[in-house]
Amino acid sequence: MTYIDPERGQFTAFKALPRDEPIQMLNLVKLRVEAVYQDGRSASGAEAYACYARESGPIFQRVGGKIIWRGEPKLMVIGPDQSSGAEAWDMAFVAYYPTAGAFLEMVTDPLYQIAVKHRQAAVADSRLLRCGEMQASDVFG
């Protein structure tokens, strides 16, 4: 099973959590080799995702969002064997929002709704995990 957009129940659960506190969104993204646009246009998954980034970036910044960490996944140390293609990610990043309400403002913005079509065309599979802040530490736990 693949995941591109949140299911209705997941989005309802997200909206039920506090909206006035900062959140971090852990993003894991696997791109399609060739994007799949409803209108049949041709682009690679990477090109379509870059278009999504260009068009959604100003909205993301306007609501106070910023990327606080970005990495290129290299090897799954604990988890499914990547040779099967399962859970093999092209990019991982953490997006910060000053409030959960800011994230909701972004995803419901009419211009974002246009930009997200590029993400939907580009992404083969993804995970998006809402996280709350915890104090940094030098030890686990």
C-alpha atoms as a PDB file:
ATOM      1  CA  MET A   1       0.000   0.000   0.000  1.00  0.00           C
ATOM      2  CA  THR A   2       1.218   3.489  -0.785  1.00  0.00           C
ATOM      3  CA  TYR A   3       0.359   6.807   0.823  1.00  0.00           C
ATOM      4  CA  ILE A   4       0.238  10.155  -0.953  1.00  0.00           C
ATOM      5  CA  ASP A   5      -2.411  12.242   0.844  1.00  0.00           C
ATOM      6  CA  PRO A   6      -3.905  11.954   4.345  1.00  0.00           C
ATOM      7  CA  GLU A   7      -7.067   9.897   4.712  1.00  0.00           C
ATOM      8  CA  ARG A   8     -10.124  11.750   6.024  1.00  0.00           C
ATOM      9  CA  GLY A   9      -9.851  10.107   9.466  1.00  0.00           C
ATOM     10  CA  GLN A  10      -6.177  11.023   9.782  1.00  0.00           C
ATOM     11  CA  PHE A  11      -6.867  14.640   8.850  1.00  0.00           C
ATOM     12  CA  THR A  12      -9.782  14.777  11.313  1.00  0.00           C
ATOM     13  CA  ALA A  13      -7.509  13.416  14.063  1.00  0.00           C
ATOM     14  CA  PHE A  14      -4.850  16.010  13.160  1.00  0.00           C
ATOM     15  CA  LYS A  15      -7.405  18.833  13.451  1.00  0.00           C
ATOM     16  CA  ALA A  16      -8.583  17.513  16.832  1.00  0.00           C
ATOM     17  CA  LEU A  17      -5.111  17.972  18.362  1.00  0.00           C
ATOM     18  CA  PRO A  18      -4.095  21.373  19.774  1.00  0.00           C
ATOM     19  CA  ARG A  19      -3.647  23.959  17.018  1.00  0.00           C
ATOM     20  CA  ASP A  20      -1.833  26.659  19.001  1.00  0.00           C
ATOM     21  CA  GLU A  21       1.488  24.925  19.652  1.00  0.00           C
ATOM     22  CA  PRO A  22       4.578  24.458  17.462  1.00  0.00           C
ATOM     23  CA  ILE A  23       4.866  21.226  15.498  1.00  0.00           C
ATOM     24  CA  GLN A  24       7.504  19.449  13.486  1.00  0.00           C
ATOM     25  CA  MET A  25       6.473  17.271  10.565  1.00  0.00           C
ATOM     26  CA  LEU A  26       8.767  14.370   9.715  1.00  0.00           C
ATOM     27  CA  ASN A  27       8.526  13.792   5.949  1.00  0.00           C
ATOM     28  CA  LEU A  28       9.733  10.664   4.156  1.00  0.00           C
ATOM     29  CA  VAL A  29       9.280  10.834   0.388  1.00  0.00           C
ATOM     30  CA  LYS A  30       9.770   8.344  -2.434  1.00  0.00           C
ATOM     31  CA  LEU A  31       9.472   9.882  -5.903  1.00  0.00           C
ATOM     32  CA  ARG A  32       8.091   8.264  -9.022  1.00  0.00           C
ATOM     33  CA  VAL A  33      10.526   7.877 -11.908  1.00  0.00           C
ATOM     34  CA  GLU A  34       7.918   9.534 -14.144  1.00  0.00           C
ATOM     35  CA  ALA A  35       5.317  11.882 -12.677  1.00  0.00           C
ATOM     36  CA  VAL A  36       1.674  10.967 -13.188  1.00  0.00           C
ATOM     37  CA  TYR A  37      -0.332  14.069 -14.023  1.00  0.00           C
ATOM     38  CA  GLN A  38      -4.092  13.880 -14.556  1.00  0.00           C
ATOM     39  CA  ASP A  39      -3.734  16.056 -17.666  1.00  0.00           C
ATOM     40  CA  GLY A  40      -1.105  13.738 -19.167  1.00  0.00           C
ATOM     41  CA  ARG A  41       1.807  16.183 -19.155  1.00  0.00           C
ATOM     42  CA  SER A  42       5.269  14.672 -19.025  1.00  0.00           C
ATOM     43  CA  ALA A  43       7.852  15.244 -16.286  1.00  0.00           C
ATOM     44  CA  SER A  44      10.047  13.192 -14.022  1.00  0.00           C
ATOM     45  CA  GLY A  45       9.010  12.736 -10.417  1.00  0.00           C
ATOM     46  CA  ALA A  46      11.939  14.916  -9.373  1.00  0.00           C
ATOM     47  CA  GLU A  47      10.895  17.677 -11.792  1.00  0.00           C
ATOM     48  CA  ALA A  48       7.288  17.582 -10.584  1.00  0.00           C
ATOM     49  CA  TYR A  49       8.391  17.692  -6.926  1.00  0.00           C
ATOM     50  CA  ALA A  50      10.681  20.656  -7.683  1.00  0.00           C
ATOM     51  CA  CYS A  51       7.680  22.435  -9.212  1.00  0.00           C
ATOM     52  CA  TYR A  52       5.679  21.666  -6.049  1.00  0.00           C
ATOM     53  CA  ALA A  53       8.488  23.143  -3.947  1.00  0.00           C
ATOM     54  CA  ARG A  54       8.671  26.318  -6.052  1.00  0.00           C
ATOM     55  CA  GLU A  55       4.923  26.914  -5.989  1.00  0.00           C
ATOM     56  CA  SER A  56       4.229  25.931  -2.368  1.00  0.00           C
ATOM     57  CA  GLY A  57       7.401  27.507  -0.926  1.00  0.00           C
ATOM     58  CA  PRO A  58       6.058  31.071  -0.657  1.00  0.00           C
ATOM     59  CA  ILE A  59       2.929  29.810   1.136  1.00  0.00           C
ATOM     60  CA  PHE A  60       5.036  27.634   3.466  1.00  0.00           C
ATOM     61  CA  GLN A  61       7.213  30.645   4.322  1.00  0.00           C
ATOM     62  CA  ARG A  62       4.221  32.993   4.728  1.00  0.00           C
ATOM     63  CA  VAL A  63       2.718  30.776   7.456  1.00  0.00           C
ATOM     64  CA  GLY A  64       6.092  30.670   9.255  1.00  0.00           C
ATOM     65  CA  GLY A  65       7.249  27.262   8.090  1.00  0.00           C
ATOM     66  CA  LYS A  66      10.891  26.347   7.663  1.00  0.00           C
ATOM     67  CA  ILE A  67      12.903  23.215   7.000  1.00  0.00           C
ATOM     68  CA  ILE A  68      14.942  22.545  10.137  1.00  0.00           C
ATOM     69  CA  TRP A  69      16.625  19.341   8.951  1.00  0.00           C
ATOM     70  CA  ARG A  70      17.053  17.631   5.594  1.00  0.00           C
ATOM     71  CA  GLY A  71      18.842  14.426   4.687  1.00  0.00           C
ATOM     72  CA  GLU A  72      19.313  11.896   1.911  1.00  0.00           C
ATOM     73  CA  PRO A  73      18.448   8.407   3.181  1.00  0.00           C
ATOM     74  CA  LYS A  74      21.339   6.011   2.555  1.00  0.00           C
ATOM     75  CA  LEU A  75      20.578   2.733   4.350  1.00  0.00           C
ATOM     76  CA  MET A  76      17.762   1.314   6.468  1.00  0.00           C
ATOM     77  CA  VAL A  77      19.586   0.033   9.558  1.00  0.00           C
ATOM     78  CA  ILE A  78      16.428  -1.108  11.399  1.00  0.00           C
ATOM     79  CA  GLY A  79      13.401  -1.806   9.235  1.00  0.00           C
ATOM     80  CA  PRO A  80      12.447  -3.489   5.957  1.00  0.00           C
ATOM     81  CA  ASP A  81      15.206  -4.647   3.607  1.00  0.00           C
ATOM     82  CA  GLN A  82      15.467  -1.870   1.027  1.00  0.00           C
ATOM     83  CA  SER A  83      16.487  -4.256  -1.754  1.00  0.00           C
ATOM     84  CA  SER A  84      12.772  -5.085  -2.061  1.00  0.00           C
ATOM     85  CA  GLY A  85      12.003  -1.401  -2.601  1.00  0.00           C
ATOM     86  CA  ALA A  86       9.844  -1.276   0.538  1.00  0.00           C
ATOM     87  CA  GLU A  87      10.408   1.770   2.695  1.00  0.00           C
ATOM     88  CA  ALA A  88      13.169   3.054   0.400  1.00  0.00           C
ATOM     89  CA  TRP A  89      13.043   6.869   0.564  1.00  0.00           C
ATOM     90  CA  ASP A  90      14.513   9.471  -1.766  1.00  0.00           C
ATOM     91  CA  MET A  91      14.380  12.283   0.779  1.00  0.00           C
ATOM     92  CA  ALA A  92      13.769  12.879   4.451  1.00  0.00           C
ATOM     93  CA  PHE A  93      13.201  16.215   6.123  1.00  0.00           C
ATOM     94  CA  VAL A  94      11.634  17.875   9.129  1.00  0.00           C
ATOM     95  CA  ALA A  95       9.412  20.880   8.520  1.00  0.00           C
ATOM     96  CA  TYR A  96       8.757  23.239  11.425  1.00  0.00           C
ATOM     97  CA  TYR A  97       5.503  25.184  11.792  1.00  0.00           C
ATOM     98  CA  PRO A  98       4.994  27.811  14.524  1.00  0.00           C
ATOM     99  CA  THR A  99       1.569  26.256  15.195  1.00  0.00           C
ATOM    100  CA  ALA A 100      -0.468  23.350  13.898  1.00  0.00           C
ATOM    101  CA  GLY A 101      -2.926  26.020  12.778  1.00  0.00           C
ATOM    102  CA  ALA A 102      -0.225  27.406  10.460  1.00  0.00           C
ATOM    103  CA  PHE A 103       0.055  23.994   8.789  1.00  0.00           C
ATOM    104  CA  LEU A 104      -3.730  23.887   8.359  1.00  0.00           C
ATOM    105  CA  GLU A 105      -3.666  27.409   6.939  1.00  0.00           C
ATOM    106  CA  MET A 106      -1.075  26.315   4.395  1.00  0.00           C
ATOM    107  CA  VAL A 107      -2.808  23.144   3.195  1.00  0.00           C
ATOM    108  CA  THR A 108      -6.168  24.905   2.836  1.00  0.00           C
ATOM    109  CA  ASP A 109      -4.753  27.920   0.946  1.00  0.00           C
ATOM    110  CA  PRO A 110      -6.220  28.024  -2.601  1.00  0.00           C
ATOM    111  CA  LEU A 111      -2.770  28.506  -4.163  1.00  0.00           C
ATOM    112  CA  TYR A 112      -1.424  25.537  -2.190  1.00  0.00           C
ATOM    113  CA  GLN A 113      -4.313  23.445  -3.502  1.00  0.00           C
ATOM    114  CA  ILE A 114      -3.015  24.180  -7.018  1.00  0.00           C
ATOM    115  CA  ALA A 115       0.633  23.495  -6.091  1.00  0.00           C
ATOM    116  CA  VAL A 116      -0.110  20.188  -4.349  1.00  0.00           C
ATOM    117  CA  LYS A 117      -1.135  18.659  -7.687  1.00  0.00           C
ATOM    118  CA  HIS A 118       2.598  18.552  -8.522  1.00  0.00           C
ATOM    119  CA  ARG A 119       3.313  16.686  -5.278  1.00  0.00           C
ATOM    120  CA  GLN A 120       0.546  14.204  -6.022  1.00  0.00           C
ATOM    121  CA  ALA A 121       1.988  13.626  -9.505  1.00  0.00           C
ATOM    122  CA  ALA A 122       5.555  13.295  -8.199  1.00  0.00           C
ATOM    123  CA  VAL A 123       5.229  11.094  -5.127  1.00  0.00           C
ATOM    124  CA  ALA A 124       5.142   7.292  -5.292  1.00  0.00           C
ATOM    125  CA  ASP A 125       4.873   6.893  -1.512  1.00  0.00           C
ATOM    126  CA  SER A 126       5.328   9.041   1.574  1.00  0.00           C
ATOM    127  CA  ARG A 127       5.015   9.246   5.319  1.00  0.00           C
ATOM    128  CA  LEU A 128       4.131  12.394   7.262  1.00  0.00           C
ATOM    129  CA  LEU A 129       4.399  12.231  11.032  1.00  0.00           C
ATOM    130  CA  ARG A 130       3.288  15.096  13.271  1.00  0.00           C
ATOM    131  CA  CYS A 131       5.670  15.534  16.188  1.00  0.00           C
ATOM    132  CA  GLY A 132       5.617  17.805  19.204  1.00  0.00           C
ATOM    133  CA  GLU A 133       8.712  19.434  20.613  1.00  0.00           C
ATOM    134  CA  MET A 134      10.715  17.697  23.310  1.00  0.00           C
ATOM    135  CA  GLN A 135      13.760  19.050  25.052  1.00  0.00           C
ATOM    136  CA  ALA A 136      17.057  18.125  23.407  1.00  0.00           C
ATOM    137  CA  SER A 137      19.307  15.795  25.366  1.00  0.00           C
ATOM    138  CA  ASP A 138      22.712  14.147  25.228  1.00  0.00           C
ATOM    139  CA  VAL A 139      21.162  10.732  25.976  1.00  0.00           C
ATOM    140  CA  PHE A 140      18.386   8.569  24.536  1.00  0.00           C
ATOM    141  CA  GLY A 141      14.973   8.553  26.132  1.00  0.00           C
END
